[in-house]
Amino acid sequence: MLDWMAWTWPTATFFIIIAGILLTFTVLAIKFPETPRTGILRIATTRGDRLFITLLGSAFINLAWLGLSGLPQWGALVVCAVYAAAVFRWV
């Protein structure tokens, strides 16, 4: 089923989760419009901006984890979850 693009189940799951997050944030933006807020970066951000910052930072965390650590990738997931919580709380 997934062999048309050499996909694996973990890769497909990743993209399904990202699509689900984007859909959830779209529904939240429609149902509960948000005004931008200023956090520690001193720029006005919305939920979508913080999601983008989280996804971008998580990509760099995972790449650094792969390149600098021989530990299992699950550890990077924990670091990314803590990073995401911090971004949504303080940025």
PDB file of N, CA and C in Angstrom:
ATOM      1  N   MET A   1       0.821  -1.206   0.000  1.00  0.00           N
ATOM      2  CA  MET A   1       0.000   0.000   0.000  1.00  0.00           C
ATOM      3  C   MET A   1       0.862   1.267   0.000  1.00  0.00           C
ATOM      4  N   LEU A   2       1.919   1.274   0.777  1.00  0.00           N
ATOM      5  CA  LEU A   2       2.756   2.473   0.871  1.00  0.00           C
ATOM      6  C   LEU A   2       4.007   2.401   0.002  1.00  0.00           C
ATOM      7  N   ASP A   3       4.128   1.373  -0.844  1.00  0.00           N
ATOM      8  CA  ASP A   3       5.364   1.191  -1.601  1.00  0.00           C
ATOM      9  C   ASP A   3       5.495   2.084  -2.829  1.00  0.00           C
ATOM     10  N   TRP A   4       4.480   2.869  -3.163  1.00  0.00           N
ATOM     11  CA  TRP A   4       4.564   3.729  -4.337  1.00  0.00           C
ATOM     12  C   TRP A   4       5.600   4.835  -4.155  1.00  0.00           C
ATOM     13  N   MET A   5       5.975   5.151  -2.924  1.00  0.00           N
ATOM     14  CA  MET A   5       6.955   6.205  -2.689  1.00  0.00           C
ATOM     15  C   MET A   5       7.978   5.771  -1.645  1.00  0.00           C
ATOM     16  N   ALA A   6       8.120   4.474  -1.471  1.00  0.00           N
ATOM     17  CA  ALA A   6       9.058   3.916  -0.500  1.00  0.00           C
ATOM     18  C   ALA A   6       8.787   4.447   0.902  1.00  0.00           C
ATOM     19  N   TRP A   7       7.529   4.618   1.236  1.00  0.00           N
ATOM     20  CA  TRP A   7       7.144   5.083   2.554  1.00  0.00           C
ATOM     21  C   TRP A   7       7.185   3.931   3.536  1.00  0.00           C
ATOM     22  N   THR A   8       7.458   4.283   4.763  1.00  0.00           N
ATOM     23  CA  THR A   8       7.350   3.316   5.847  1.00  0.00           C
ATOM     24  C   THR A   8       6.182   3.754   6.726  1.00  0.00           C
ATOM     25  N   TRP A   9       5.718   2.863   7.570  1.00  0.00           N
ATOM     26  CA  TRP A   9       4.611   3.233   8.455  1.00  0.00           C
ATOM     27  C   TRP A   9       4.976   4.384   9.390  1.00  0.00           C
ATOM     28  N   PRO A  10       6.190   4.432   9.964  1.00  0.00           N
ATOM     29  CA  PRO A  10       6.522   5.586  10.797  1.00  0.00           C
ATOM     30  C   PRO A  10       6.475   6.907  10.028  1.00  0.00           C
ATOM     31  N   THR A  11       6.928   6.901   8.772  1.00  0.00           N
ATOM     32  CA  THR A  11       6.884   8.122   7.960  1.00  0.00           C
ATOM     33  C   THR A  11       5.444   8.524   7.668  1.00  0.00           C
ATOM     34  N   ALA A  12       4.633   7.555   7.291  1.00  0.00           N
ATOM     35  CA  ALA A  12       3.225   7.847   7.014  1.00  0.00           C
ATOM     36  C   ALA A  12       2.528   8.348   8.272  1.00  0.00           C
ATOM     37  N   THR A  13       2.820   7.735   9.405  1.00  0.00           N
ATOM     38  CA  THR A  13       2.218   8.168  10.669  1.00  0.00           C
ATOM     39  C   THR A  13       2.608   9.603  10.986  1.00  0.00           C
ATOM     40  N   PHE A  14       3.867   9.940  10.775  1.00  0.00           N
ATOM     41  CA  PHE A  14       4.335  11.308  11.014  1.00  0.00           C
ATOM     42  C   PHE A  14       3.520  12.317  10.206  1.00  0.00           C
ATOM     43  N   PHE A  15       3.354  12.059   8.915  1.00  0.00           N
ATOM     44  CA  PHE A  15       2.632  13.008   8.079  1.00  0.00           C
ATOM     45  C   PHE A  15       1.138  13.029   8.387  1.00  0.00           C
ATOM     46  N   ILE A  16       0.578  11.909   8.783  1.00  0.00           N
ATOM     47  CA  ILE A  16      -0.832  11.886   9.189  1.00  0.00           C
ATOM     48  C   ILE A  16      -1.027  12.714  10.453  1.00  0.00           C
ATOM     49  N   ILE A  17      -0.094  12.602  11.390  1.00  0.00           N
ATOM     50  CA  ILE A  17      -0.185  13.397  12.623  1.00  0.00           C
ATOM     51  C   ILE A  17      -0.047  14.884  12.323  1.00  0.00           C
ATOM     52  N   ILE A  18       0.896  15.253  11.461  1.00  0.00           N
ATOM     53  CA  ILE A  18       1.061  16.671  11.094  1.00  0.00           C
ATOM     54  C   ILE A  18      -0.210  17.190  10.425  1.00  0.00           C
ATOM     55  N   ALA A  19      -0.796  16.413   9.527  1.00  0.00           N
ATOM     56  CA  ALA A  19      -2.057  16.822   8.878  1.00  0.00           C
ATOM     57  C   ALA A  19      -3.164  16.972   9.911  1.00  0.00           C
ATOM     58  N   GLY A  20      -3.220  16.070  10.870  1.00  0.00           N
ATOM     59  CA  GLY A  20      -4.228  16.172  11.934  1.00  0.00           C
ATOM     60  C   GLY A  20      -4.044  17.416  12.788  1.00  0.00           C
ATOM     61  N   ILE A  21      -2.790  17.739  13.101  1.00  0.00           N
ATOM     62  CA  ILE A  21      -2.510  18.953  13.878  1.00  0.00           C
ATOM     63  C   ILE A  21      -2.939  20.192  13.094  1.00  0.00           C
ATOM     64  N   LEU A  22      -2.609  20.235  11.801  1.00  0.00           N
ATOM     65  CA  LEU A  22      -3.005  21.391  10.983  1.00  0.00           C
ATOM     66  C   LEU A  22      -4.519  21.517  10.900  1.00  0.00           C
ATOM     67  N   LEU A  23      -5.210  20.403  10.759  1.00  0.00           N
ATOM     68  CA  LEU A  23      -6.672  20.424  10.720  1.00  0.00           C
ATOM     69  C   LEU A  23      -7.233  20.913  12.056  1.00  0.00           C
ATOM     70  N   THR A  24      -6.681  20.421  13.152  1.00  0.00           N
ATOM     71  CA  THR A  24      -7.127  20.847  14.478  1.00  0.00           C
ATOM     72  C   THR A  24      -6.917  22.346  14.671  1.00  0.00           C
ATOM     73  N   PHE A  25      -5.762  22.842  14.272  1.00  0.00           N
ATOM     74  CA  PHE A  25      -5.478  24.268  14.441  1.00  0.00           C
ATOM     75  C   PHE A  25      -6.373  25.124  13.538  1.00  0.00           C
ATOM     76  N   THR A  26      -6.734  24.605  12.376  1.00  0.00           N
ATOM     77  CA  THR A  26      -7.653  25.327  11.497  1.00  0.00           C
ATOM     78  C   THR A  26      -9.023  25.439  12.150  1.00  0.00           C
ATOM     79  N   VAL A  27      -9.509  24.343  12.700  1.00  0.00           N
ATOM     80  CA  VAL A  27     -10.805  24.359  13.382  1.00  0.00           C
ATOM     81  C   VAL A  27     -10.758  25.293  14.589  1.00  0.00           C
ATOM     82  N   LEU A  28      -9.673  25.233  15.365  1.00  0.00           N
ATOM     83  CA  LEU A  28      -9.540  26.130  16.513  1.00  0.00           C
ATOM     84  C   LEU A  28      -9.536  27.597  16.085  1.00  0.00           C
ATOM     85  N   ALA A  29      -8.862  27.903  14.987  1.00  0.00           N
ATOM     86  CA  ALA A  29      -8.803  29.289  14.510  1.00  0.00           C
ATOM     87  C   ALA A  29     -10.180  29.788  14.082  1.00  0.00           C
ATOM     88  N   ILE A  30     -10.982  28.898  13.530  1.00  0.00           N
ATOM     89  CA  ILE A  30     -12.333  29.288  13.097  1.00  0.00           C
ATOM     90  C   ILE A  30     -13.259  29.435  14.298  1.00  0.00           C
ATOM     91  N   LYS A  31     -13.217  28.469  15.205  1.00  0.00           N
ATOM     92  CA  LYS A  31     -14.129  28.485  16.358  1.00  0.00           C
ATOM     93  C   LYS A  31     -13.713  29.477  17.431  1.00  0.00           C
ATOM     94  N   PHE A  32     -12.423  29.620  17.657  1.00  0.00           N
ATOM     95  CA  PHE A  32     -11.918  30.488  18.715  1.00  0.00           C
ATOM     96  C   PHE A  32     -10.842  31.411  18.163  1.00  0.00           C
ATOM     97  N   PRO A  33     -11.237  32.474  17.453  1.00  0.00           N
ATOM     98  CA  PRO A  33     -10.239  33.396  16.896  1.00  0.00           C
ATOM     99  C   PRO A  33      -9.347  33.950  18.018  1.00  0.00           C
ATOM    100  N   GLU A  34      -8.095  34.107  17.690  1.00  0.00           N
ATOM    101  CA  GLU A  34      -7.126  34.536  18.691  1.00  0.00           C
ATOM    102  C   GLU A  34      -6.480  35.836  18.272  1.00  0.00           C
ATOM    103  N   THR A  35      -6.247  36.690  19.232  1.00  0.00           N
ATOM    104  CA  THR A  35      -5.473  37.894  18.965  1.00  0.00           C
ATOM    105  C   THR A  35      -4.011  37.571  19.266  1.00  0.00           C
ATOM    106  N   PRO A  36      -3.100  38.108  18.483  1.00  0.00           N
ATOM    107  CA  PRO A  36      -1.675  37.819  18.720  1.00  0.00           C
ATOM    108  C   PRO A  36      -1.239  38.267  20.115  1.00  0.00           C
ATOM    109  N   ARG A  37      -0.286  37.550  20.673  1.00  0.00           N
ATOM    110  CA  ARG A  37       0.273  37.926  21.974  1.00  0.00           C
ATOM    111  C   ARG A  37       1.783  38.017  21.860  1.00  0.00           C
ATOM    112  N   THR A  38       2.374  38.787  22.727  1.00  0.00           N
ATOM    113  CA  THR A  38       3.818  38.988  22.718  1.00  0.00           C
ATOM    114  C   THR A  38       4.437  38.187  23.854  1.00  0.00           C
ATOM    115  N   GLY A  39       5.408  37.369  23.515  1.00  0.00           N
ATOM    116  CA  GLY A  39       6.087  36.539  24.512  1.00  0.00           C
ATOM    117  C   GLY A  39       7.531  36.955  24.686  1.00  0.00           C
ATOM    118  N   ILE A  40       8.375  35.986  25.030  1.00  0.00           N
ATOM    119  CA  ILE A  40       9.771  36.310  25.327  1.00  0.00           C
ATOM    120  C   ILE A  40      10.571  36.705  24.090  1.00  0.00           C
ATOM    121  N   LEU A  41      10.081  36.366  22.903  1.00  0.00           N
ATOM    122  CA  LEU A  41      10.782  36.784  21.687  1.00  0.00           C
ATOM    123  C   LEU A  41      10.482  38.233  21.309  1.00  0.00           C
ATOM    124  N   ARG A  42       9.523  38.818  22.000  1.00  0.00           N
ATOM    125  CA  ARG A  42       9.098  40.211  21.763  1.00  0.00           C
ATOM    126  C   ARG A  42       8.524  40.419  20.362  1.00  0.00           C
ATOM    127  N   ILE A  43       7.914  39.368  19.813  1.00  0.00           N
ATOM    128  CA  ILE A  43       7.170  39.495  18.567  1.00  0.00           C
ATOM    129  C   ILE A  43       5.767  38.968  18.819  1.00  0.00           C
ATOM    130  N   ALA A  44       4.802  39.529  18.124  1.00  0.00           N
ATOM    131  CA  ALA A  44       3.420  39.075  18.281  1.00  0.00           C
ATOM    132  C   ALA A  44       3.254  37.743  17.551  1.00  0.00           C
ATOM    133  N   THR A  45       2.759  36.731  18.271  1.00  0.00           N
ATOM    134  CA  THR A  45       2.562  35.420  17.668  1.00  0.00           C
ATOM    135  C   THR A  45       1.158  34.905  17.940  1.00  0.00           C
ATOM    136  N   THR A  46       0.655  34.120  16.996  1.00  0.00           N
ATOM    137  CA  THR A  46      -0.623  33.435  17.174  1.00  0.00           C
ATOM    138  C   THR A  46      -0.338  31.947  17.381  1.00  0.00           C
ATOM    139  N   ARG A  47      -1.390  31.157  17.561  1.00  0.00           N
ATOM    140  CA  ARG A  47      -1.198  29.707  17.710  1.00  0.00           C
ATOM    141  C   ARG A  47      -0.463  29.126  16.515  1.00  0.00           C
ATOM    142  N   GLY A  48      -0.833  29.556  15.320  1.00  0.00           N
ATOM    143  CA  GLY A  48      -0.190  29.049  14.107  1.00  0.00           C
ATOM    144  C   GLY A  48       1.285  29.397  14.044  1.00  0.00           C
ATOM    145  N   ASP A  49       1.623  30.610  14.459  1.00  0.00           N
ATOM    146  CA  ASP A  49       3.038  31.010  14.496  1.00  0.00           C
ATOM    147  C   ASP A  49       3.817  30.135  15.471  1.00  0.00           C
ATOM    148  N   ARG A  50       3.224  29.899  16.644  1.00  0.00           N
ATOM    149  CA  ARG A  50       3.902  29.071  17.646  1.00  0.00           C
ATOM    150  C   ARG A  50       4.020  27.624  17.168  1.00  0.00           C
ATOM    151  N   LEU A  51       3.014  27.134  16.428  1.00  0.00           N
ATOM    152  CA  LEU A  51       3.108  25.795  15.857  1.00  0.00           C
ATOM    153  C   LEU A  51       4.258  25.724  14.854  1.00  0.00           C
ATOM    154  N   PHE A  52       4.378  26.722  14.004  1.00  0.00           N
ATOM    155  CA  PHE A  52       5.466  26.752  13.026  1.00  0.00           C
ATOM    156  C   PHE A  52       6.824  26.780  13.716  1.00  0.00           C
ATOM    157  N   ILE A  53       6.966  27.622  14.742  1.00  0.00           N
ATOM    158  CA  ILE A  53       8.224  27.700  15.490  1.00  0.00           C
ATOM    159  C   ILE A  53       8.529  26.349  16.134  1.00  0.00           C
ATOM    160  N   THR A  54       7.492  25.696  16.659  1.00  0.00           N
ATOM    161  CA  THR A  54       7.668  24.389  17.287  1.00  0.00           C
ATOM    162  C   THR A  54       8.106  23.339  16.273  1.00  0.00           C
ATOM    163  N   LEU A  55       7.448  23.283  15.123  1.00  0.00           N
ATOM    164  CA  LEU A  55       7.800  22.289  14.106  1.00  0.00           C
ATOM    165  C   LEU A  55       9.215  22.516  13.568  1.00  0.00           C
ATOM    166  N   LEU A  56       9.555  23.766  13.324  1.00  0.00           N
ATOM    167  CA  LEU A  56      10.889  24.074  12.818  1.00  0.00           C
ATOM    168  C   LEU A  56      11.962  23.719  13.850  1.00  0.00           C
ATOM    169  N   GLY A  57      11.746  24.122  15.086  1.00  0.00           N
ATOM    170  CA  GLY A  57      12.697  23.807  16.147  1.00  0.00           C
ATOM    171  C   GLY A  57      12.814  22.311  16.381  1.00  0.00           C
ATOM    172  N   SER A  58      11.688  21.601  16.302  1.00  0.00           N
ATOM    173  CA  SER A  58      11.707  20.150  16.489  1.00  0.00           C
ATOM    174  C   SER A  58      12.493  19.454  15.383  1.00  0.00           C
ATOM    175  N   ALA A  59      12.407  19.976  14.181  1.00  0.00           N
ATOM    176  CA  ALA A  59      13.188  19.401  13.080  1.00  0.00           C
ATOM    177  C   ALA A  59      14.682  19.546  13.370  1.00  0.00           C
ATOM    178  N   PHE A  60      15.088  20.712  13.844  1.00  0.00           N
ATOM    179  CA  PHE A  60      16.499  20.930  14.164  1.00  0.00           C
ATOM    180  C   PHE A  60      16.938  20.075  15.354  1.00  0.00           C
ATOM    181  N   ILE A  61      16.061  19.931  16.346  1.00  0.00           N
ATOM    182  CA  ILE A  61      16.387  19.082  17.494  1.00  0.00           C
ATOM    183  C   ILE A  61      16.615  17.650  17.029  1.00  0.00           C
ATOM    184  N   ASN A  62      15.737  17.141  16.169  1.00  0.00           N
ATOM    185  CA  ASN A  62      15.868  15.768  15.680  1.00  0.00           C
ATOM    186  C   ASN A  62      17.121  15.589  14.826  1.00  0.00           C
ATOM    187  N   LEU A  63      17.425  16.558  13.980  1.00  0.00           N
ATOM    188  CA  LEU A  63      18.636  16.462  13.169  1.00  0.00           C
ATOM    189  C   LEU A  63      19.891  16.480  14.038  1.00  0.00           C
ATOM    190  N   ALA A  64      19.913  17.353  15.034  1.00  0.00           N
ATOM    191  CA  ALA A  64      21.055  17.409  15.948  1.00  0.00           C
ATOM    192  C   ALA A  64      21.169  16.109  16.737  1.00  0.00           C
ATOM    193  N   TRP A  65      20.034  15.572  17.149  1.00  0.00           N
ATOM    194  CA  TRP A  65      20.034  14.311  17.898  1.00  0.00           C
ATOM    195  C   TRP A  65      20.645  13.185  17.048  1.00  0.00           C
ATOM    196  N   LEU A  66      20.232  13.140  15.790  1.00  0.00           N
ATOM    197  CA  LEU A  66      20.763  12.115  14.886  1.00  0.00           C
ATOM    198  C   LEU A  66      22.264  12.278  14.659  1.00  0.00           C
ATOM    199  N   GLY A  67      22.693  13.520  14.507  1.00  0.00           N
ATOM    200  CA  GLY A  67      24.088  13.775  14.176  1.00  0.00           C
ATOM    201  C   GLY A  67      25.041  13.727  15.353  1.00  0.00           C
ATOM    202  N   LEU A  68      24.554  14.066  16.539  1.00  0.00           N
ATOM    203  CA  LEU A  68      25.456  14.215  17.676  1.00  0.00           C
ATOM    204  C   LEU A  68      25.305  13.142  18.740  1.00  0.00           C
ATOM    205  N   SER A  69      24.269  12.338  18.624  1.00  0.00           N
ATOM    206  CA  SER A  69      23.989  11.373  19.673  1.00  0.00           C
ATOM    207  C   SER A  69      23.799   9.986  19.071  1.00  0.00           C
ATOM    208  N   GLY A  70      24.224   8.991  19.792  1.00  0.00           N
ATOM    209  CA  GLY A  70      23.993   7.633  19.356  1.00  0.00           C
ATOM    210  C   GLY A  70      22.802   7.016  20.073  1.00  0.00           C
ATOM    211  N   LEU A  71      22.059   7.854  20.780  1.00  0.00           N
ATOM    212  CA  LEU A  71      20.925   7.376  21.569  1.00  0.00           C
ATOM    213  C   LEU A  71      19.698   7.157  20.689  1.00  0.00           C
ATOM    214  N   PRO A  72      18.739   6.374  21.170  1.00  0.00           N
ATOM    215  CA  PRO A  72      17.504   6.152  20.400  1.00  0.00           C
ATOM    216  C   PRO A  72      16.756   7.461  20.139  1.00  0.00           C
ATOM    217  N   GLN A  73      16.086   7.506  19.012  1.00  0.00           N
ATOM    218  CA  GLN A  73      15.388   8.722  18.590  1.00  0.00           C
ATOM    219  C   GLN A  73      14.234   9.089  19.515  1.00  0.00           C
ATOM    220  N   TRP A  74      13.764   8.145  20.325  1.00  0.00           N
ATOM    221  CA  TRP A  74      12.675   8.461  21.262  1.00  0.00           C
ATOM    222  C   TRP A  74      13.078   9.563  22.233  1.00  0.00           C
ATOM    223  N   GLY A  75      14.359   9.649  22.549  1.00  0.00           N
ATOM    224  CA  GLY A  75      14.826  10.709  23.436  1.00  0.00           C
ATOM    225  C   GLY A  75      14.597  12.087  22.833  1.00  0.00           C
ATOM    226  N   ALA A  76      14.791  12.197  21.524  1.00  0.00           N
ATOM    227  CA  ALA A  76      14.543  13.471  20.845  1.00  0.00           C
ATOM    228  C   ALA A  76      13.068  13.832  20.905  1.00  0.00           C
ATOM    229  N   LEU A  77      12.199  12.828  20.865  1.00  0.00           N
ATOM    230  CA  LEU A  77      10.763  13.081  20.975  1.00  0.00           C
ATOM    231  C   LEU A  77      10.428  13.714  22.318  1.00  0.00           C
ATOM    232  N   VAL A  78      11.058  13.236  23.372  1.00  0.00           N
ATOM    233  CA  VAL A  78      10.839  13.806  24.705  1.00  0.00           C
ATOM    234  C   VAL A  78      11.328  15.251  24.746  1.00  0.00           C
ATOM    235  N   VAL A  79      12.516  15.482  24.197  1.00  0.00           N
ATOM    236  CA  VAL A  79      13.057  16.846  24.158  1.00  0.00           C
ATOM    237  C   VAL A  79      12.129  17.759  23.354  1.00  0.00           C
ATOM    238  N   CYS A  80      11.626  17.274  22.226  1.00  0.00           N
ATOM    239  CA  CYS A  80      10.717  18.068  21.390  1.00  0.00           C
ATOM    240  C   CYS A  80       9.405  18.376  22.107  1.00  0.00           C
ATOM    241  N   ALA A  81       8.905  17.431  22.885  1.00  0.00           N
ATOM    242  CA  ALA A  81       7.663  17.662  23.634  1.00  0.00           C
ATOM    243  C   ALA A  81       7.858  18.757  24.678  1.00  0.00           C
ATOM    244  N   VAL A  82       8.996  18.731  25.361  1.00  0.00           N
ATOM    245  CA  VAL A  82       9.304  19.780  26.343  1.00  0.00           C
ATOM    246  C   VAL A  82       9.471  21.120  25.633  1.00  0.00           C
ATOM    247  N   TYR A  83      10.172  21.117  24.507  1.00  0.00           N
ATOM    248  CA  TYR A  83      10.358  22.331  23.707  1.00  0.00           C
ATOM    249  C   TYR A  83       9.013  22.899  23.241  1.00  0.00           C
ATOM    250  N   ALA A  84       8.111  22.017  22.769  1.00  0.00           N
ATOM    251  CA  ALA A  84       6.797  22.464  22.302  1.00  0.00           C
ATOM    252  C   ALA A  84       6.011  23.088  23.442  1.00  0.00           C
ATOM    253  N   ALA A  85       6.033  22.471  24.605  1.00  0.00           N
ATOM    254  CA  ALA A  85       5.319  23.022  25.762  1.00  0.00           C
ATOM    255  C   ALA A  85       5.861  24.408  26.116  1.00  0.00           C
ATOM    256  N   ALA A  86       7.184  24.563  26.063  1.00  0.00           N
ATOM    257  CA  ALA A  86       7.796  25.857  26.377  1.00  0.00           C
ATOM    258  C   ALA A  86       7.413  26.911  25.335  1.00  0.00           C
ATOM    259  N   VAL A  87       7.429  26.541  24.072  1.00  0.00           N
ATOM    260  CA  VAL A  87       7.083  27.504  23.018  1.00  0.00           C
ATOM    261  C   VAL A  87       5.639  27.959  23.169  1.00  0.00           C
ATOM    262  N   PHE A  88       4.723  27.034  23.371  1.00  0.00           N
ATOM    263  CA  PHE A  88       3.310  27.418  23.485  1.00  0.00           C
ATOM    264  C   PHE A  88       3.024  28.164  24.783  1.00  0.00           C
ATOM    265  N   ARG A  89       3.855  27.996  25.768  1.00  0.00           N
ATOM    266  CA  ARG A  89       3.635  28.707  27.031  1.00  0.00           C
ATOM    267  C   ARG A  89       4.253  30.107  27.026  1.00  0.00           C
ATOM    268  N   TRP A  90       5.482  30.225  26.515  1.00  0.00           N
ATOM    269  CA  TRP A  90       6.213  31.487  26.702  1.00  0.00           C
ATOM    270  C   TRP A  90       6.505  32.278  25.441  1.00  0.00           C
ATOM    271  N   VAL A  91       6.300  31.748  24.274  1.00  0.00           N
ATOM    272  CA  VAL A  91       6.645  32.504  23.058  1.00  0.00           C
ATOM    273  C   VAL A  91       5.440  33.274  22.569  1.00  0.00           C
TER     274      VAL A  91
END
